Amino acid sequence: SIGTAGVPGAGLIMLSLVLTSVGLPLEGVAIIAGIDSVLDMARTGLNVAGDCAVSCLVAKSEGELDEEVFNTPHVMRSELS
């Protein structure tokens, strides 16, 4: 990940920036745009998963991660009332 936002659609913008920075023509974006929706889902999922993993690691290293709550199976709000 090169610092892209964790939102769908950011990949094409980053791709155009990378192509421009390495001196390649921007027409390459048009070729990739046809299959980008599938690639974008994979990139976004991987980026968000990585952000979550690093957040957990930092929280654990700082003593801020409540492992009992973290390891508890998910409970629906309707089950709590």
PDB file of N, CA and C in Angstrom:
ATOM      1  N   SER A   1       0.853  -1.181   0.000  1.00  0.00           N
ATOM      2  CA  SER A   1       0.000   0.000   0.000  1.00  0.00           C
ATOM      3  C   SER A   1       0.891   1.234   0.000  1.00  0.00           C
ATOM      4  N   ILE A   2       0.556   2.161  -0.861  1.00  0.00           N
ATOM      5  CA  ILE A   2       1.356   3.391  -0.930  1.00  0.00           C
ATOM      6  C   ILE A   2       0.582   4.574  -0.383  1.00  0.00           C
ATOM      7  N   GLY A   3      -0.213   4.302   0.644  1.00  0.00           N
ATOM      8  CA  GLY A   3      -0.934   5.388   1.277  1.00  0.00           C
ATOM      9  C   GLY A   3      -2.246   5.715   0.611  1.00  0.00           C
ATOM     10  N   THR A   4      -2.842   4.771  -0.081  1.00  0.00           N
ATOM     11  CA  THR A   4      -4.134   5.047  -0.698  1.00  0.00           C
ATOM     12  C   THR A   4      -5.217   5.063   0.363  1.00  0.00           C
ATOM     13  N   ALA A   5      -6.268   5.791   0.077  1.00  0.00           N
ATOM     14  CA  ALA A   5      -7.395   5.857   1.007  1.00  0.00           C
ATOM     15  C   ALA A   5      -8.113   4.514   1.012  1.00  0.00           C
ATOM     16  N   GLY A   6      -8.692   4.159   2.146  1.00  0.00           N
ATOM     17  CA  GLY A   6      -9.415   2.903   2.267  1.00  0.00           C
ATOM     18  C   GLY A   6     -10.829   2.994   1.749  1.00  0.00           C
ATOM     19  N   VAL A   7     -11.005   3.613   0.612  1.00  0.00           N
ATOM     20  CA  VAL A   7     -12.329   3.760   0.006  1.00  0.00           C
ATOM     21  C   VAL A   7     -12.279   3.279  -1.437  1.00  0.00           C
ATOM     22  N   PRO A   8     -13.377   2.713  -1.926  1.00  0.00           N
ATOM     23  CA  PRO A   8     -13.404   2.283  -3.334  1.00  0.00           C
ATOM     24  C   PRO A   8     -13.226   3.469  -4.277  1.00  0.00           C
ATOM     25  N   GLY A   9     -12.522   3.239  -5.371  1.00  0.00           N
ATOM     26  CA  GLY A   9     -12.343   4.270  -6.380  1.00  0.00           C
ATOM     27  C   GLY A   9     -11.032   5.027  -6.273  1.00  0.00           C
ATOM     28  N   ALA A  10     -10.333   4.900  -5.163  1.00  0.00           N
ATOM     29  CA  ALA A  10      -9.083   5.640  -4.990  1.00  0.00           C
ATOM     30  C   ALA A  10      -7.960   5.047  -5.825  1.00  0.00           C
ATOM     31  N   GLY A  11      -8.099   3.797  -6.237  1.00  0.00           N
ATOM     32  CA  GLY A  11      -7.041   3.129  -6.987  1.00  0.00           C
ATOM     33  C   GLY A  11      -6.742   3.766  -8.324  1.00  0.00           C
ATOM     34  N   LEU A  12      -7.763   4.177  -9.058  1.00  0.00           N
ATOM     35  CA  LEU A  12      -7.526   4.805 -10.366  1.00  0.00           C
ATOM     36  C   LEU A  12      -6.801   6.135 -10.222  1.00  0.00           C
ATOM     37  N   ILE A  13      -7.116   6.867  -9.184  1.00  0.00           N
ATOM     38  CA  ILE A  13      -6.429   8.146  -8.967  1.00  0.00           C
ATOM     39  C   ILE A  13      -4.961   7.900  -8.643  1.00  0.00           C
ATOM     40  N   MET A  14      -4.709   6.923  -7.756  1.00  0.00           N
ATOM     41  CA  MET A  14      -3.319   6.603  -7.418  1.00  0.00           C
ATOM     42  C   MET A  14      -2.575   6.053  -8.638  1.00  0.00           C
ATOM     43  N   LEU A  15      -3.262   5.247  -9.452  1.00  0.00           N
ATOM     44  CA  LEU A  15      -2.636   4.702 -10.651  1.00  0.00           C
ATOM     45  C   LEU A  15      -2.222   5.812 -11.603  1.00  0.00           C
ATOM     46  N   SER A  16      -3.080   6.815 -11.779  1.00  0.00           N
ATOM     47  CA  SER A  16      -2.725   7.921 -12.669  1.00  0.00           C
ATOM     48  C   SER A  16      -1.534   8.704 -12.117  1.00  0.00           C
ATOM     49  N   LEU A  17      -1.461   8.853 -10.798  1.00  0.00           N
ATOM     50  CA  LEU A  17      -0.308   9.540 -10.202  1.00  0.00           C
ATOM     51  C   LEU A  17       0.980   8.747 -10.390  1.00  0.00           C
ATOM     52  N   VAL A  18       0.898   7.423 -10.206  1.00  0.00           N
ATOM     53  CA  VAL A  18       2.088   6.584 -10.370  1.00  0.00           C
ATOM     54  C   VAL A  18       2.540   6.568 -11.823  1.00  0.00           C
ATOM     55  N   LEU A  19       1.590   6.438 -12.759  1.00  0.00           N
ATOM     56  CA  LEU A  19       1.959   6.442 -14.184  1.00  0.00           C
ATOM     57  C   LEU A  19       2.622   7.755 -14.582  1.00  0.00           C
ATOM     58  N   THR A  20       2.099   8.859 -14.074  1.00  0.00           N
ATOM     59  CA  THR A  20       2.683  10.162 -14.377  1.00  0.00           C
ATOM     60  C   THR A  20       4.089  10.284 -13.784  1.00  0.00           C
ATOM     61  N   SER A  21       4.261   9.800 -12.562  1.00  0.00           N
ATOM     62  CA  SER A  21       5.563   9.951 -11.901  1.00  0.00           C
ATOM     63  C   SER A  21       6.657   9.113 -12.549  1.00  0.00           C
ATOM     64  N   VAL A  22       6.293   7.982 -13.171  1.00  0.00           N
ATOM     65  CA  VAL A  22       7.310   7.164 -13.831  1.00  0.00           C
ATOM     66  C   VAL A  22       7.421   7.462 -15.320  1.00  0.00           C
ATOM     67  N   GLY A  23       6.660   8.443 -15.809  1.00  0.00           N
ATOM     68  CA  GLY A  23       6.784   8.881 -17.193  1.00  0.00           C
ATOM     69  C   GLY A  23       6.019   8.051 -18.207  1.00  0.00           C
ATOM     70  N   LEU A  24       5.046   7.257 -17.767  1.00  0.00           N
ATOM     71  CA  LEU A  24       4.244   6.465 -18.699  1.00  0.00           C
ATOM     72  C   LEU A  24       3.000   7.245 -19.106  1.00  0.00           C
ATOM     73  N   PRO A  25       2.456   6.959 -20.302  1.00  0.00           N
ATOM     74  CA  PRO A  25       1.277   7.707 -20.753  1.00  0.00           C
ATOM     75  C   PRO A  25       0.037   7.375 -19.920  1.00  0.00           C
ATOM     76  N   LEU A  26      -0.829   8.359 -19.752  1.00  0.00           N
ATOM     77  CA  LEU A  26      -2.044   8.174 -18.971  1.00  0.00           C
ATOM     78  C   LEU A  26      -3.081   7.303 -19.697  1.00  0.00           C
ATOM     79  N   GLU A  27      -2.839   6.968 -20.969  1.00  0.00           N
ATOM     80  CA  GLU A  27      -3.761   6.099 -21.691  1.00  0.00           C
ATOM     81  C   GLU A  27      -3.822   4.709 -21.057  1.00  0.00           C
ATOM     82  N   GLY A  28      -2.811   4.355 -20.280  1.00  0.00           N
ATOM     83  CA  GLY A  28      -2.797   3.078 -19.586  1.00  0.00           C
ATOM     84  C   GLY A  28      -3.942   2.962 -18.577  1.00  0.00           C
ATOM     85  N   VAL A  29      -4.396   4.101 -18.060  1.00  0.00           N
ATOM     86  CA  VAL A  29      -5.514   4.096 -17.123  1.00  0.00           C
ATOM     87  C   VAL A  29      -6.787   3.632 -17.820  1.00  0.00           C
ATOM     88  N   ALA A  30      -6.990   4.044 -19.062  1.00  0.00           N
ATOM     89  CA  ALA A  30      -8.189   3.652 -19.815  1.00  0.00           C
ATOM     90  C   ALA A  30      -8.228   2.152 -20.039  1.00  0.00           C
ATOM     91  N   ILE A  31      -7.098   1.531 -20.249  1.00  0.00           N
ATOM     92  CA  ILE A  31      -7.035   0.081 -20.459  1.00  0.00           C
ATOM     93  C   ILE A  31      -7.408  -0.645 -19.171  1.00  0.00           C
ATOM     94  N   ILE A  32      -6.919  -0.177 -18.061  1.00  0.00           N
ATOM     95  CA  ILE A  32      -7.149  -0.844 -16.779  1.00  0.00           C
ATOM     96  C   ILE A  32      -8.533  -0.535 -16.210  1.00  0.00           C
ATOM     97  N   ALA A  33      -9.142   0.573 -16.606  1.00  0.00           N
ATOM     98  CA  ALA A  33     -10.439   0.982 -16.050  1.00  0.00           C
ATOM     99  C   ALA A  33     -11.520  -0.071 -16.261  1.00  0.00           C
ATOM    100  N   GLY A  34     -11.416  -0.868 -17.312  1.00  0.00           N
ATOM    101  CA  GLY A  34     -12.422  -1.890 -17.587  1.00  0.00           C
ATOM    102  C   GLY A  34     -12.477  -2.987 -16.540  1.00  0.00           C
ATOM    103  N   ILE A  35     -11.340  -3.349 -15.977  1.00  0.00           N
ATOM    104  CA  ILE A  35     -11.305  -4.412 -14.968  1.00  0.00           C
ATOM    105  C   ILE A  35     -11.019  -3.880 -13.574  1.00  0.00           C
ATOM    106  N   ASP A  36     -10.996  -2.559 -13.456  1.00  0.00           N
ATOM    107  CA  ASP A  36     -10.585  -1.967 -12.188  1.00  0.00           C
ATOM    108  C   ASP A  36     -11.566  -2.214 -11.062  1.00  0.00           C
ATOM    109  N   SER A  37     -12.835  -2.407 -11.346  1.00  0.00           N
ATOM    110  CA  SER A  37     -13.780  -2.594 -10.234  1.00  0.00           C
ATOM    111  C   SER A  37     -13.444  -3.850  -9.433  1.00  0.00           C
ATOM    112  N   VAL A  38     -13.058  -4.923 -10.120  1.00  0.00           N
ATOM    113  CA  VAL A  38     -12.672  -6.156  -9.430  1.00  0.00           C
ATOM    114  C   VAL A  38     -11.355  -5.953  -8.679  1.00  0.00           C
ATOM    115  N   LEU A  39     -10.402  -5.330  -9.343  1.00  0.00           N
ATOM    116  CA  LEU A  39      -9.115  -5.070  -8.701  1.00  0.00           C
ATOM    117  C   LEU A  39      -9.285  -4.119  -7.522  1.00  0.00           C
ATOM    118  N   ASP A  40     -10.188  -3.151  -7.662  1.00  0.00           N
ATOM    119  CA  ASP A  40     -10.404  -2.170  -6.609  1.00  0.00           C
ATOM    120  C   ASP A  40     -10.974  -2.817  -5.349  1.00  0.00           C
ATOM    121  N   MET A  41     -11.872  -3.792  -5.530  1.00  0.00           N
ATOM    122  CA  MET A  41     -12.416  -4.494  -4.362  1.00  0.00           C
ATOM    123  C   MET A  41     -11.312  -5.217  -3.598  1.00  0.00           C
ATOM    124  N   ALA A  42     -10.408  -5.853  -4.327  1.00  0.00           N
ATOM    125  CA  ALA A  42      -9.303  -6.567  -3.680  1.00  0.00           C
ATOM    126  C   ALA A  42      -8.360  -5.589  -2.980  1.00  0.00           C
ATOM    127  N   ARG A  43      -8.010  -4.498  -3.658  1.00  0.00           N
ATOM    128  CA  ARG A  43      -7.109  -3.500  -3.058  1.00  0.00           C
ATOM    129  C   ARG A  43      -7.709  -2.881  -1.809  1.00  0.00           C
ATOM    130  N   THR A  44      -8.984  -2.512  -1.885  1.00  0.00           N
ATOM    131  CA  THR A  44      -9.636  -1.867  -0.747  1.00  0.00           C
ATOM    132  C   THR A  44      -9.728  -2.818   0.437  1.00  0.00           C
ATOM    133  N   GLY A  45     -10.116  -4.060   0.162  1.00  0.00           N
ATOM    134  CA  GLY A  45     -10.207  -5.048   1.248  1.00  0.00           C
ATOM    135  C   GLY A  45      -8.869  -5.281   1.922  1.00  0.00           C
ATOM    136  N   LEU A  46      -7.821  -5.414   1.127  1.00  0.00           N
ATOM    137  CA  LEU A  46      -6.487  -5.635   1.667  1.00  0.00           C
ATOM    138  C   LEU A  46      -5.995  -4.419   2.454  1.00  0.00           C
ATOM    139  N   ASN A  47      -6.272  -3.244   1.942  1.00  0.00           N
ATOM    140  CA  ASN A  47      -5.843  -2.013   2.612  1.00  0.00           C
ATOM    141  C   ASN A  47      -6.546  -1.851   3.962  1.00  0.00           C
ATOM    142  N   VAL A  48      -7.858  -2.082   3.999  1.00  0.00           N
ATOM    143  CA  VAL A  48      -8.609  -1.946   5.253  1.00  0.00           C
ATOM    144  C   VAL A  48      -8.172  -3.014   6.253  1.00  0.00           C
ATOM    145  N   ALA A  49      -7.972  -4.252   5.788  1.00  0.00           N
ATOM    146  CA  ALA A  49      -7.526  -5.323   6.682  1.00  0.00           C
ATOM    147  C   ALA A  49      -6.151  -4.995   7.272  1.00  0.00           C
ATOM    148  N   GLY A  50      -5.269  -4.461   6.462  1.00  0.00           N
ATOM    149  CA  GLY A  50      -3.946  -4.066   6.951  1.00  0.00           C
ATOM    150  C   GLY A  50      -4.023  -2.942   7.971  1.00  0.00           C
ATOM    151  N   ASP A  51      -4.893  -1.952   7.707  1.00  0.00           N
ATOM    152  CA  ASP A  51      -5.072  -0.853   8.660  1.00  0.00           C
ATOM    153  C   ASP A  51      -5.598  -1.370   9.995  1.00  0.00           C
ATOM    154  N   CYS A  52      -6.546  -2.308   9.950  1.00  0.00           N
ATOM    155  CA  CYS A  52      -7.102  -2.879  11.179  1.00  0.00           C
ATOM    156  C   CYS A  52      -6.050  -3.675  11.952  1.00  0.00           C
ATOM    157  N   ALA A  53      -5.262  -4.465  11.232  1.00  0.00           N
ATOM    158  CA  ALA A  53      -4.236  -5.277  11.883  1.00  0.00           C
ATOM    159  C   ALA A  53      -3.193  -4.397  12.577  1.00  0.00           C
ATOM    160  N   VAL A  54      -2.757  -3.351  11.893  1.00  0.00           N
ATOM    161  CA  VAL A  54      -1.750  -2.469  12.484  1.00  0.00           C
ATOM    162  C   VAL A  54      -2.331  -1.712  13.673  1.00  0.00           C
ATOM    163  N   SER A  55      -3.599  -1.321  13.586  1.00  0.00           N
ATOM    164  CA  SER A  55      -4.242  -0.640  14.718  1.00  0.00           C
ATOM    165  C   SER A  55      -4.261  -1.543  15.950  1.00  0.00           C
ATOM    166  N   CYS A  56      -4.565  -2.826  15.750  1.00  0.00           N
ATOM    167  CA  CYS A  56      -4.571  -3.775  16.872  1.00  0.00           C
ATOM    168  C   CYS A  56      -3.171  -3.965  17.446  1.00  0.00           C
ATOM    169  N   LEU A  57      -2.164  -4.060  16.580  1.00  0.00           N
ATOM    170  CA  LEU A  57      -0.787  -4.229  17.061  1.00  0.00           C
ATOM    171  C   LEU A  57      -0.314  -3.023  17.868  1.00  0.00           C
ATOM    172  N   VAL A  58      -0.629  -1.834  17.389  1.00  0.00           N
ATOM    173  CA  VAL A  58      -0.223  -0.625  18.113  1.00  0.00           C
ATOM    174  C   VAL A  58      -0.961  -0.534  19.443  1.00  0.00           C
ATOM    175  N   ALA A  59      -2.264  -0.835  19.429  1.00  0.00           N
ATOM    176  CA  ALA A  59      -3.042  -0.798  20.672  1.00  0.00           C
ATOM    177  C   ALA A  59      -2.494  -1.790  21.682  1.00  0.00           C
ATOM    178  N   LYS A  60      -2.113  -2.984  21.223  1.00  0.00           N
ATOM    179  CA  LYS A  60      -1.550  -3.987  22.144  1.00  0.00           C
ATOM    180  C   LYS A  60      -0.209  -3.530  22.697  1.00  0.00           C
ATOM    181  N   SER A  61       0.632  -2.951  21.852  1.00  0.00           N
ATOM    182  CA  SER A  61       1.949  -2.507  22.314  1.00  0.00           C
ATOM    183  C   SER A  61       1.848  -1.339  23.297  1.00  0.00           C
ATOM    184  N   GLU A  62       0.769  -0.550  23.192  1.00  0.00           N
ATOM    185  CA  GLU A  62       0.567   0.576  24.093  1.00  0.00           C
ATOM    186  C   GLU A  62      -0.260   0.200  25.326  1.00  0.00           C
ATOM    187  N   GLY A  63      -0.687  -1.071  25.410  1.00  0.00           N
ATOM    188  CA  GLY A  63      -1.486  -1.505  26.546  1.00  0.00           C
ATOM    189  C   GLY A  63      -2.923  -1.015  26.505  1.00  0.00           C
ATOM    190  N   GLU A  64      -3.404  -0.649  25.346  1.00  0.00           N
ATOM    191  CA  GLU A  64      -4.753  -0.112  25.195  1.00  0.00           C
ATOM    192  C   GLU A  64      -5.753  -1.139  24.672  1.00  0.00           C
ATOM    193  N   LEU A  65      -5.291  -2.341  24.323  1.00  0.00           N
ATOM    194  CA  LEU A  65      -6.165  -3.365  23.751  1.00  0.00           C
ATOM    195  C   LEU A  65      -6.761  -4.204  24.873  1.00  0.00           C
ATOM    196  N   ASP A  66      -8.072  -4.185  25.001  1.00  0.00           N
ATOM    197  CA  ASP A  66      -8.772  -5.002  25.992  1.00  0.00           C
ATOM    198  C   ASP A  66      -8.986  -6.377  25.354  1.00  0.00           C
ATOM    199  N   GLU A  67      -8.085  -7.318  25.636  1.00  0.00           N
ATOM    200  CA  GLU A  67      -8.121  -8.620  24.976  1.00  0.00           C
ATOM    201  C   GLU A  67      -9.359  -9.429  25.329  1.00  0.00           C
ATOM    202  N   GLU A  68      -9.917  -9.228  26.508  1.00  0.00           N
ATOM    203  CA  GLU A  68     -11.130  -9.960  26.876  1.00  0.00           C
ATOM    204  C   GLU A  68     -12.290  -9.554  25.958  1.00  0.00           C
ATOM    205  N   VAL A  69     -12.428  -8.264  25.725  1.00  0.00           N
ATOM    206  CA  VAL A  69     -13.478  -7.787  24.819  1.00  0.00           C
ATOM    207  C   VAL A  69     -13.146  -8.191  23.382  1.00  0.00           C
ATOM    208  N   PHE A  70     -11.886  -8.101  23.011  1.00  0.00           N
ATOM    209  CA  PHE A  70     -11.461  -8.429  21.649  1.00  0.00           C
ATOM    210  C   PHE A  70     -11.730  -9.893  21.314  1.00  0.00           C
ATOM    211  N   ASN A  71     -11.510 -10.795  22.248  1.00  0.00           N
ATOM    212  CA  ASN A  71     -11.664 -12.230  22.002  1.00  0.00           C
ATOM    213  C   ASN A  71     -13.073 -12.760  22.258  1.00  0.00           C
ATOM    214  N   THR A  72     -13.983 -11.927  22.767  1.00  0.00           N
ATOM    215  CA  THR A  72     -15.352 -12.348  23.022  1.00  0.00           C
ATOM    216  C   THR A  72     -16.098 -12.475  21.701  1.00  0.00           C
ATOM    217  N   PRO A  73     -16.844 -13.572  21.511  1.00  0.00           N
ATOM    218  CA  PRO A  73     -17.627 -13.703  20.270  1.00  0.00           C
ATOM    219  C   PRO A  73     -18.605 -12.547  20.119  1.00  0.00           C
ATOM    220  N   HIS A  74     -18.887 -12.217  18.883  1.00  0.00           N
ATOM    221  CA  HIS A  74     -19.779 -11.098  18.579  1.00  0.00           C
ATOM    222  C   HIS A  74     -21.181 -11.353  19.127  1.00  0.00           C
ATOM    223  N   VAL A  75     -21.743 -10.356  19.798  1.00  0.00           N
ATOM    224  CA  VAL A  75     -23.094 -10.457  20.343  1.00  0.00           C
ATOM    225  C   VAL A  75     -23.930  -9.363  19.690  1.00  0.00           C
ATOM    226  N   MET A  76     -25.098  -9.740  19.179  1.00  0.00           N
ATOM    227  CA  MET A  76     -26.004  -8.778  18.549  1.00  0.00           C
ATOM    228  C   MET A  76     -26.600  -7.861  19.618  1.00  0.00           C
ATOM    229  N   ARG A  77     -26.837  -6.620  19.293  1.00  0.00           N
ATOM    230  CA  ARG A  77     -27.427  -5.673  20.243  1.00  0.00           C
ATOM    231  C   ARG A  77     -28.789  -6.156  20.732  1.00  0.00           C
ATOM    232  N   SER A  78     -29.561  -6.811  19.868  1.00  0.00           N
ATOM    233  CA  SER A  78     -30.881  -7.285  20.270  1.00  0.00           C
ATOM    234  C   SER A  78     -30.787  -8.354  21.350  1.00  0.00           C
ATOM    235  N   GLU A  79     -29.662  -9.083  21.406  1.00  0.00           N
ATOM    236  CA  GLU A  79     -29.471 -10.111  22.426  1.00  0.00           C
ATOM    237  C   GLU A  79     -29.123  -9.513  23.777  1.00  0.00           C
ATOM    238  N   LEU A  80     -28.624  -8.284  23.774  1.00  0.00           N
ATOM    239  CA  LEU A  80     -28.212  -7.639  25.019  1.00  0.00           C
ATOM    240  C   LEU A  80     -29.414  -7.128  25.816  1.00  0.00           C
ATOM    241  N   SER A  81     -30.527  -6.779  25.154  1.00  0.00           N
ATOM    242  CA  SER A  81     -31.671  -6.226  25.871  1.00  0.00           C
ATOM    243  C   SER A  81     -32.610  -7.273  26.399  1.00  0.00           C
TER     244      SER A  81
END
